[in-house]
Amino acid sequence: MSEDRRTLVLADIDKVWVDYDRSTDTLNIVFGEGYEEAEEAILTESDVGYRIRGGKVIGITIYNFMKRIGLEV
């Protein structure tokens, strides 16, 4: 596997909360009990952020969310 690709596991998918922030047009998806400090953060070229702790994805942030689905804020 190259350095640009790796496989990650989602944290506790039985406990998921989703929050949309209109002022920044971001959709945040958090896995687990609540907000945890990430050990690592990855921002993709398509403006999707992944927060990682203990080798598991604990959060995903989708930037420019409304624009992506064809709506303007």
PDB file of N, CA and C in Angstrom:
ATOM      1  N   MET A   1       0.850  -1.184   0.000  1.00  0.00           N
ATOM      2  CA  MET A   1       0.000   0.000   0.000  1.00  0.00           C
ATOM      3  C   MET A   1       0.888   1.238   0.000  1.00  0.00           C
ATOM      4  N   SER A   2       0.595   2.196  -0.847  1.00  0.00           N
ATOM      5  CA  SER A   2       1.422   3.397  -0.927  1.00  0.00           C
ATOM      6  C   SER A   2       1.180   4.291   0.278  1.00  0.00           C
ATOM      7  N   GLU A   3       2.051   5.279   0.438  1.00  0.00           N
ATOM      8  CA  GLU A   3       1.896   6.212   1.549  1.00  0.00           C
ATOM      9  C   GLU A   3       0.638   7.065   1.400  1.00  0.00           C
ATOM     10  N   ASP A   4       0.157   7.247   0.172  1.00  0.00           N
ATOM     11  CA  ASP A   4      -1.019   8.076  -0.065  1.00  0.00           C
ATOM     12  C   ASP A   4      -2.324   7.357   0.251  1.00  0.00           C
ATOM     13  N   ARG A   5      -2.277   6.031   0.386  1.00  0.00           N
ATOM     14  CA  ARG A   5      -3.484   5.246   0.643  1.00  0.00           C
ATOM     15  C   ARG A   5      -3.271   4.371   1.864  1.00  0.00           C
ATOM     16  N   ARG A   6      -4.306   4.300   2.688  1.00  0.00           N
ATOM     17  CA  ARG A   6      -4.283   3.372   3.801  1.00  0.00           C
ATOM     18  C   ARG A   6      -5.713   3.068   4.216  1.00  0.00           C
ATOM     19  N   THR A   7      -5.888   2.009   4.914  1.00  0.00           N
ATOM     20  CA  THR A   7      -7.209   1.601   5.362  1.00  0.00           C
ATOM     21  C   THR A   7      -7.376   1.995   6.821  1.00  0.00           C
ATOM     22  N   LEU A   8      -8.492   2.649   7.119  1.00  0.00           N
ATOM     23  CA  LEU A   8      -8.796   3.047   8.488  1.00  0.00           C
ATOM     24  C   LEU A   8     -10.149   2.464   8.884  1.00  0.00           C
ATOM     25  N   VAL A   9     -10.360   2.314  10.155  1.00  0.00           N
ATOM     26  CA  VAL A   9     -11.596   1.776  10.699  1.00  0.00           C
ATOM     27  C   VAL A   9     -12.374   2.918  11.337  1.00  0.00           C
ATOM     28  N   LEU A  10     -13.705   2.889  11.182  1.00  0.00           N
ATOM     29  CA  LEU A  10     -14.528   3.874  11.871  1.00  0.00           C
ATOM     30  C   LEU A  10     -14.606   3.519  13.348  1.00  0.00           C
ATOM     31  N   ALA A  11     -14.602   4.529  14.185  1.00  0.00           N
ATOM     32  CA  ALA A  11     -14.778   4.311  15.617  1.00  0.00           C
ATOM     33  C   ALA A  11     -16.215   3.842  15.852  1.00  0.00           C
ATOM     34  N   ASP A  12     -16.728   3.962  17.012  1.00  0.00           N
ATOM     35  CA  ASP A  12     -18.026   3.433  17.437  1.00  0.00           C
ATOM     36  C   ASP A  12     -19.180   3.946  16.571  1.00  0.00           C
ATOM     37  N   ILE A  13     -19.597   3.145  15.598  1.00  0.00           N
ATOM     38  CA  ILE A  13     -20.655   3.595  14.687  1.00  0.00           C
ATOM     39  C   ILE A  13     -22.049   3.465  15.297  1.00  0.00           C
ATOM     40  N   ASP A  14     -22.145   2.854  16.477  1.00  0.00           N
ATOM     41  CA  ASP A  14     -23.431   2.810  17.169  1.00  0.00           C
ATOM     42  C   ASP A  14     -23.749   4.143  17.838  1.00  0.00           C
ATOM     43  N   LYS A  15     -22.750   4.975  17.977  1.00  0.00           N
ATOM     44  CA  LYS A  15     -22.922   6.295  18.602  1.00  0.00           C
ATOM     45  C   LYS A  15     -22.406   7.339  17.629  1.00  0.00           C
ATOM     46  N   VAL A  16     -23.312   7.866  16.825  1.00  0.00           N
ATOM     47  CA  VAL A  16     -22.953   8.836  15.793  1.00  0.00           C
ATOM     48  C   VAL A  16     -23.806  10.083  15.994  1.00  0.00           C
ATOM     49  N   TRP A  17     -23.178  11.246  15.892  1.00  0.00           N
ATOM     50  CA  TRP A  17     -23.972  12.468  15.839  1.00  0.00           C
ATOM     51  C   TRP A  17     -23.497  13.311  14.679  1.00  0.00           C
ATOM     52  N   VAL A  18     -24.456  14.041  14.120  1.00  0.00           N
ATOM     53  CA  VAL A  18     -24.205  14.847  12.923  1.00  0.00           C
ATOM     54  C   VAL A  18     -24.600  16.285  13.244  1.00  0.00           C
ATOM     55  N   ASP A  19     -23.758  17.208  12.805  1.00  0.00           N
ATOM     56  CA  ASP A  19     -24.003  18.620  13.065  1.00  0.00           C
ATOM     57  C   ASP A  19     -23.675  19.417  11.806  1.00  0.00           C
ATOM     58  N   TYR A  20     -24.595  20.279  11.401  1.00  0.00           N
ATOM     59  CA  TYR A  20     -24.334  21.165  10.266  1.00  0.00           C
ATOM     60  C   TYR A  20     -24.138  22.576  10.786  1.00  0.00           C
ATOM     61  N   ASP A  21     -23.058  23.222  10.358  1.00  0.00           N
ATOM     62  CA  ASP A  21     -22.771  24.603  10.730  1.00  0.00           C
ATOM     63  C   ASP A  21     -22.986  25.479   9.502  1.00  0.00           C
ATOM     64  N   ARG A  22     -24.076  26.204   9.513  1.00  0.00           N
ATOM     65  CA  ARG A  22     -24.444  27.036   8.366  1.00  0.00           C
ATOM     66  C   ARG A  22     -23.427  28.154   8.116  1.00  0.00           C
ATOM     67  N   SER A  23     -22.876  28.715   9.184  1.00  0.00           N
ATOM     68  CA  SER A  23     -21.957  29.847   9.016  1.00  0.00           C
ATOM     69  C   SER A  23     -20.674  29.456   8.285  1.00  0.00           C
ATOM     70  N   THR A  24     -20.270  28.195   8.401  1.00  0.00           N
ATOM     71  CA  THR A  24     -19.056  27.740   7.717  1.00  0.00           C
ATOM     72  C   THR A  24     -19.363  26.728   6.616  1.00  0.00           C
ATOM     73  N   ASP A  25     -20.640  26.398   6.439  1.00  0.00           N
ATOM     74  CA  ASP A  25     -21.099  25.417   5.448  1.00  0.00           C
ATOM     75  C   ASP A  25     -20.338  24.100   5.584  1.00  0.00           C
ATOM     76  N   THR A  26     -20.290  23.593   6.828  1.00  0.00           N
ATOM     77  CA  THR A  26     -19.616  22.327   7.085  1.00  0.00           C
ATOM     78  C   THR A  26     -20.556  21.342   7.754  1.00  0.00           C
ATOM     79  N   LEU A  27     -20.451  20.090   7.336  1.00  0.00           N
ATOM     80  CA  LEU A  27     -21.177  18.999   7.965  1.00  0.00           C
ATOM     81  C   LEU A  27     -20.165  18.184   8.746  1.00  0.00           C
ATOM     82  N   ASN A  28     -20.407  18.027  10.047  1.00  0.00           N
ATOM     83  CA  ASN A  28     -19.510  17.272  10.916  1.00  0.00           C
ATOM     84  C   ASN A  28     -20.200  15.982  11.341  1.00  0.00           C
ATOM     85  N   ILE A  29     -19.497  14.883  11.193  1.00  0.00           N
ATOM     86  CA  ILE A  29     -19.992  13.575  11.612  1.00  0.00           C
ATOM     87  C   ILE A  29     -19.007  13.062  12.649  1.00  0.00           C
ATOM     88  N   VAL A  30     -19.509  12.779  13.849  1.00  0.00           N
ATOM     89  CA  VAL A  30     -18.648  12.354  14.950  1.00  0.00           C
ATOM     90  C   VAL A  30     -19.055  10.952  15.380  1.00  0.00           C
ATOM     91  N   PHE A  31     -18.077  10.080  15.535  1.00  0.00           N
ATOM     92  CA  PHE A  31     -18.299   8.704  15.964  1.00  0.00           C
ATOM     93  C   PHE A  31     -17.830   8.551  17.400  1.00  0.00           C
ATOM     94  N   GLY A  32     -18.673   8.007  18.264  1.00  0.00           N
ATOM     95  CA  GLY A  32     -18.303   7.786  19.659  1.00  0.00           C
ATOM     96  C   GLY A  32     -19.155   8.605  20.603  1.00  0.00           C
ATOM     97  N   GLU A  33     -18.676   8.731  21.835  1.00  0.00           N
ATOM     98  CA  GLU A  33     -19.420   9.397  22.906  1.00  0.00           C
ATOM     99  C   GLU A  33     -19.555  10.904  22.722  1.00  0.00           C
ATOM    100  N   GLY A  34     -18.621  11.519  22.090  1.00  0.00           N
ATOM    101  CA  GLY A  34     -18.633  12.964  21.921  1.00  0.00           C
ATOM    102  C   GLY A  34     -17.327  13.403  21.299  1.00  0.00           C
ATOM    103  N   TYR A  35     -17.075  14.681  21.330  1.00  0.00           N
ATOM    104  CA  TYR A  35     -15.872  15.211  20.698  1.00  0.00           C
ATOM    105  C   TYR A  35     -14.638  14.714  21.436  1.00  0.00           C
ATOM    106  N   GLU A  36     -13.717  14.121  20.719  1.00  0.00           N
ATOM    107  CA  GLU A  36     -12.435  13.691  21.268  1.00  0.00           C
ATOM    108  C   GLU A  36     -11.322  14.396  20.511  1.00  0.00           C
ATOM    109  N   GLU A  37     -10.243  14.659  21.198  1.00  0.00           N
ATOM    110  CA  GLU A  37      -9.076  15.264  20.556  1.00  0.00           C
ATOM    111  C   GLU A  37      -8.461  14.253  19.589  1.00  0.00           C
ATOM    112  N   ALA A  38      -8.202  14.689  18.381  1.00  0.00           N
ATOM    113  CA  ALA A  38      -7.607  13.813  17.375  1.00  0.00           C
ATOM    114  C   ALA A  38      -6.091  13.767  17.540  1.00  0.00           C
ATOM    115  N   GLU A  39      -5.540  12.617  17.227  1.00  0.00           N
ATOM    116  CA  GLU A  39      -4.081  12.474  17.196  1.00  0.00           C
ATOM    117  C   GLU A  39      -3.545  12.869  15.827  1.00  0.00           C
ATOM    118  N   GLU A  40      -4.409  12.774  14.828  1.00  0.00           N
ATOM    119  CA  GLU A  40      -4.009  13.065  13.451  1.00  0.00           C
ATOM    120  C   GLU A  40      -5.223  13.595  12.695  1.00  0.00           C
ATOM    121  N   ALA A  41      -4.973  14.488  11.780  1.00  0.00           N
ATOM    122  CA  ALA A  41      -6.041  15.010  10.916  1.00  0.00           C
ATOM    123  C   ALA A  41      -5.555  14.956   9.474  1.00  0.00           C
ATOM    124  N   ILE A  42      -6.459  14.554   8.609  1.00  0.00           N
ATOM    125  CA  ILE A  42      -6.153  14.464   7.181  1.00  0.00           C
ATOM    126  C   ILE A  42      -7.176  15.299   6.434  1.00  0.00           C
ATOM    127  N   LEU A  43      -6.708  16.143   5.542  1.00  0.00           N
ATOM    128  CA  LEU A  43      -7.592  16.918   4.665  1.00  0.00           C
ATOM    129  C   LEU A  43      -7.337  16.454   3.243  1.00  0.00           C
ATOM    130  N   THR A  44      -8.378  15.962   2.593  1.00  0.00           N
ATOM    131  CA  THR A  44      -8.220  15.460   1.230  1.00  0.00           C
ATOM    132  C   THR A  44      -8.285  16.601   0.227  1.00  0.00           C
ATOM    133  N   GLU A  45      -7.922  16.294  -1.008  1.00  0.00           N
ATOM    134  CA  GLU A  45      -7.993  17.289  -2.074  1.00  0.00           C
ATOM    135  C   GLU A  45      -9.431  17.725  -2.346  1.00  0.00           C
ATOM    136  N   SER A  46     -10.385  16.888  -1.980  1.00  0.00           N
ATOM    137  CA  SER A  46     -11.798  17.227  -2.203  1.00  0.00           C
ATOM    138  C   SER A  46     -12.418  17.910  -0.983  1.00  0.00           C
ATOM    139  N   ASP A  47     -11.585  18.455  -0.103  1.00  0.00           N
ATOM    140  CA  ASP A  47     -12.032  19.200   1.079  1.00  0.00           C
ATOM    141  C   ASP A  47     -12.911  18.388   2.020  1.00  0.00           C
ATOM    142  N   VAL A  48     -12.474  17.173   2.291  1.00  0.00           N
ATOM    143  CA  VAL A  48     -13.092  16.347   3.328  1.00  0.00           C
ATOM    144  C   VAL A  48     -12.014  16.087   4.364  1.00  0.00           C
ATOM    145  N   GLY A  49     -12.334  16.392   5.619  1.00  0.00           N
ATOM    146  CA  GLY A  49     -11.377  16.206   6.694  1.00  0.00           C
ATOM    147  C   GLY A  49     -11.701  14.974   7.515  1.00  0.00           C
ATOM    148  N   TYR A  50     -10.663  14.238   7.886  1.00  0.00           N
ATOM    149  CA  TYR A  50     -10.809  13.051   8.721  1.00  0.00           C
ATOM    150  C   TYR A  50     -10.010  13.258   9.998  1.00  0.00           C
ATOM    151  N   ARG A  51     -10.652  13.022  11.154  1.00  0.00           N
ATOM    152  CA  ARG A  51      -9.972  13.101  12.443  1.00  0.00           C
ATOM    153  C   ARG A  51      -9.737  11.671  12.922  1.00  0.00           C
ATOM    154  N   ILE A  52      -8.499  11.382  13.322  1.00  0.00           N
ATOM    155  CA  ILE A  52      -8.106  10.015  13.644  1.00  0.00           C
ATOM    156  C   ILE A  52      -7.509   9.959  15.047  1.00  0.00           C
ATOM    157  N   ARG A  53      -7.912   8.915  15.758  1.00  0.00           N
ATOM    158  CA  ARG A  53      -7.362   8.669  17.101  1.00  0.00           C
ATOM    159  C   ARG A  53      -7.258   7.159  17.279  1.00  0.00           C
ATOM    160  N   GLY A  54      -6.097   6.684  17.685  1.00  0.00           N
ATOM    161  CA  GLY A  54      -5.904   5.256  17.909  1.00  0.00           C
ATOM    162  C   GLY A  54      -6.116   4.424  16.660  1.00  0.00           C
ATOM    163  N   GLY A  55      -5.812   4.990  15.495  1.00  0.00           N
ATOM    164  CA  GLY A  55      -5.969   4.264  14.240  1.00  0.00           C
ATOM    165  C   GLY A  55      -7.401   4.174  13.746  1.00  0.00           C
ATOM    166  N   LYS A  56      -8.320   4.874  14.405  1.00  0.00           N
ATOM    167  CA  LYS A  56      -9.727   4.852  14.013  1.00  0.00           C
ATOM    168  C   LYS A  56     -10.200   6.253  13.655  1.00  0.00           C
ATOM    169  N   VAL A  57     -11.095   6.332  12.687  1.00  0.00           N
ATOM    170  CA  VAL A  57     -11.689   7.614  12.316  1.00  0.00           C
ATOM    171  C   VAL A  57     -12.728   7.973  13.374  1.00  0.00           C
ATOM    172  N   ILE A  58     -12.515   9.092  14.051  1.00  0.00           N
ATOM    173  CA  ILE A  58     -13.460   9.533  15.081  1.00  0.00           C
ATOM    174  C   ILE A  58     -14.331  10.683  14.591  1.00  0.00           C
ATOM    175  N   GLY A  59     -14.004  11.226  13.426  1.00  0.00           N
ATOM    176  CA  GLY A  59     -14.805  12.315  12.892  1.00  0.00           C
ATOM    177  C   GLY A  59     -14.509  12.585  11.436  1.00  0.00           C
ATOM    178  N   ILE A  60     -15.538  13.043  10.740  1.00  0.00           N
ATOM    179  CA  ILE A  60     -15.419  13.432   9.336  1.00  0.00           C
ATOM    180  C   ILE A  60     -16.045  14.810   9.200  1.00  0.00           C
ATOM    181  N   THR A  61     -15.356  15.711   8.539  1.00  0.00           N
ATOM    182  CA  THR A  61     -15.889  17.045   8.258  1.00  0.00           C
ATOM    183  C   THR A  61     -15.948  17.220   6.750  1.00  0.00           C
ATOM    184  N   ILE A  62     -17.132  17.570   6.268  1.00  0.00           N
ATOM    185  CA  ILE A  62     -17.319  17.814   4.840  1.00  0.00           C
ATOM    186  C   ILE A  62     -17.485  19.320   4.655  1.00  0.00           C
ATOM    187  N   TYR A  63     -16.515  19.926   4.007  1.00  0.00           N
ATOM    188  CA  TYR A  63     -16.528  21.368   3.776  1.00  0.00           C
ATOM    189  C   TYR A  63     -17.347  21.687   2.526  1.00  0.00           C
ATOM    190  N   ASN A  64     -17.924  22.892   2.492  1.00  0.00           N
ATOM    191  CA  ASN A  64     -18.754  23.338   1.369  1.00  0.00           C
ATOM    192  C   ASN A  64     -19.895  22.348   1.105  1.00  0.00           C
ATOM    193  N   PHE A  65     -20.520  21.904   2.174  1.00  0.00           N
ATOM    194  CA  PHE A  65     -21.519  20.837   2.091  1.00  0.00           C
ATOM    195  C   PHE A  65     -22.713  21.216   1.221  1.00  0.00           C
ATOM    196  N   MET A  66     -23.324  22.357   1.454  1.00  0.00           N
ATOM    197  CA  MET A  66     -24.521  22.728   0.693  1.00  0.00           C
ATOM    198  C   MET A  66     -24.206  22.901  -0.786  1.00  0.00           C
ATOM    199  N   LYS A  67     -23.061  23.448  -1.095  1.00  0.00           N
ATOM    200  CA  LYS A  67     -22.649  23.575  -2.487  1.00  0.00           C
ATOM    201  C   LYS A  67     -22.504  22.214  -3.136  1.00  0.00           C
ATOM    202  N   ARG A  68     -21.976  21.249  -2.387  1.00  0.00           N
ATOM    203  CA  ARG A  68     -21.805  19.882  -2.916  1.00  0.00           C
ATOM    204  C   ARG A  68     -23.124  19.236  -3.297  1.00  0.00           C
ATOM    205  N   ILE A  69     -24.173  19.545  -2.532  1.00  0.00           N
ATOM    206  CA  ILE A  69     -25.460  18.904  -2.826  1.00  0.00           C
ATOM    207  C   ILE A  69     -26.341  19.792  -3.708  1.00  0.00           C
ATOM    208  N   GLY A  70     -25.767  20.872  -4.200  1.00  0.00           N
ATOM    209  CA  GLY A  70     -26.476  21.698  -5.175  1.00  0.00           C
ATOM    210  C   GLY A  70     -27.335  22.803  -4.599  1.00  0.00           C
ATOM    211  N   LEU A  71     -27.113  23.146  -3.319  1.00  0.00           N
ATOM    212  CA  LEU A  71     -27.863  24.221  -2.684  1.00  0.00           C
ATOM    213  C   LEU A  71     -26.890  25.318  -2.261  1.00  0.00           C
ATOM    214  N   GLU A  72     -27.349  26.526  -2.250  1.00  0.00           N
ATOM    215  CA  GLU A  72     -26.526  27.636  -1.801  1.00  0.00           C
ATOM    216  C   GLU A  72     -26.933  28.038  -0.390  1.00  0.00           C
ATOM    217  N   VAL A  73     -25.970  28.433   0.409  1.00  0.00           N
ATOM    218  CA  VAL A  73     -26.230  28.860   1.791  1.00  0.00           C
ATOM    219  C   VAL A  73     -26.749  30.267   1.801  1.00  0.00           C
TER     220      VAL A  73
END
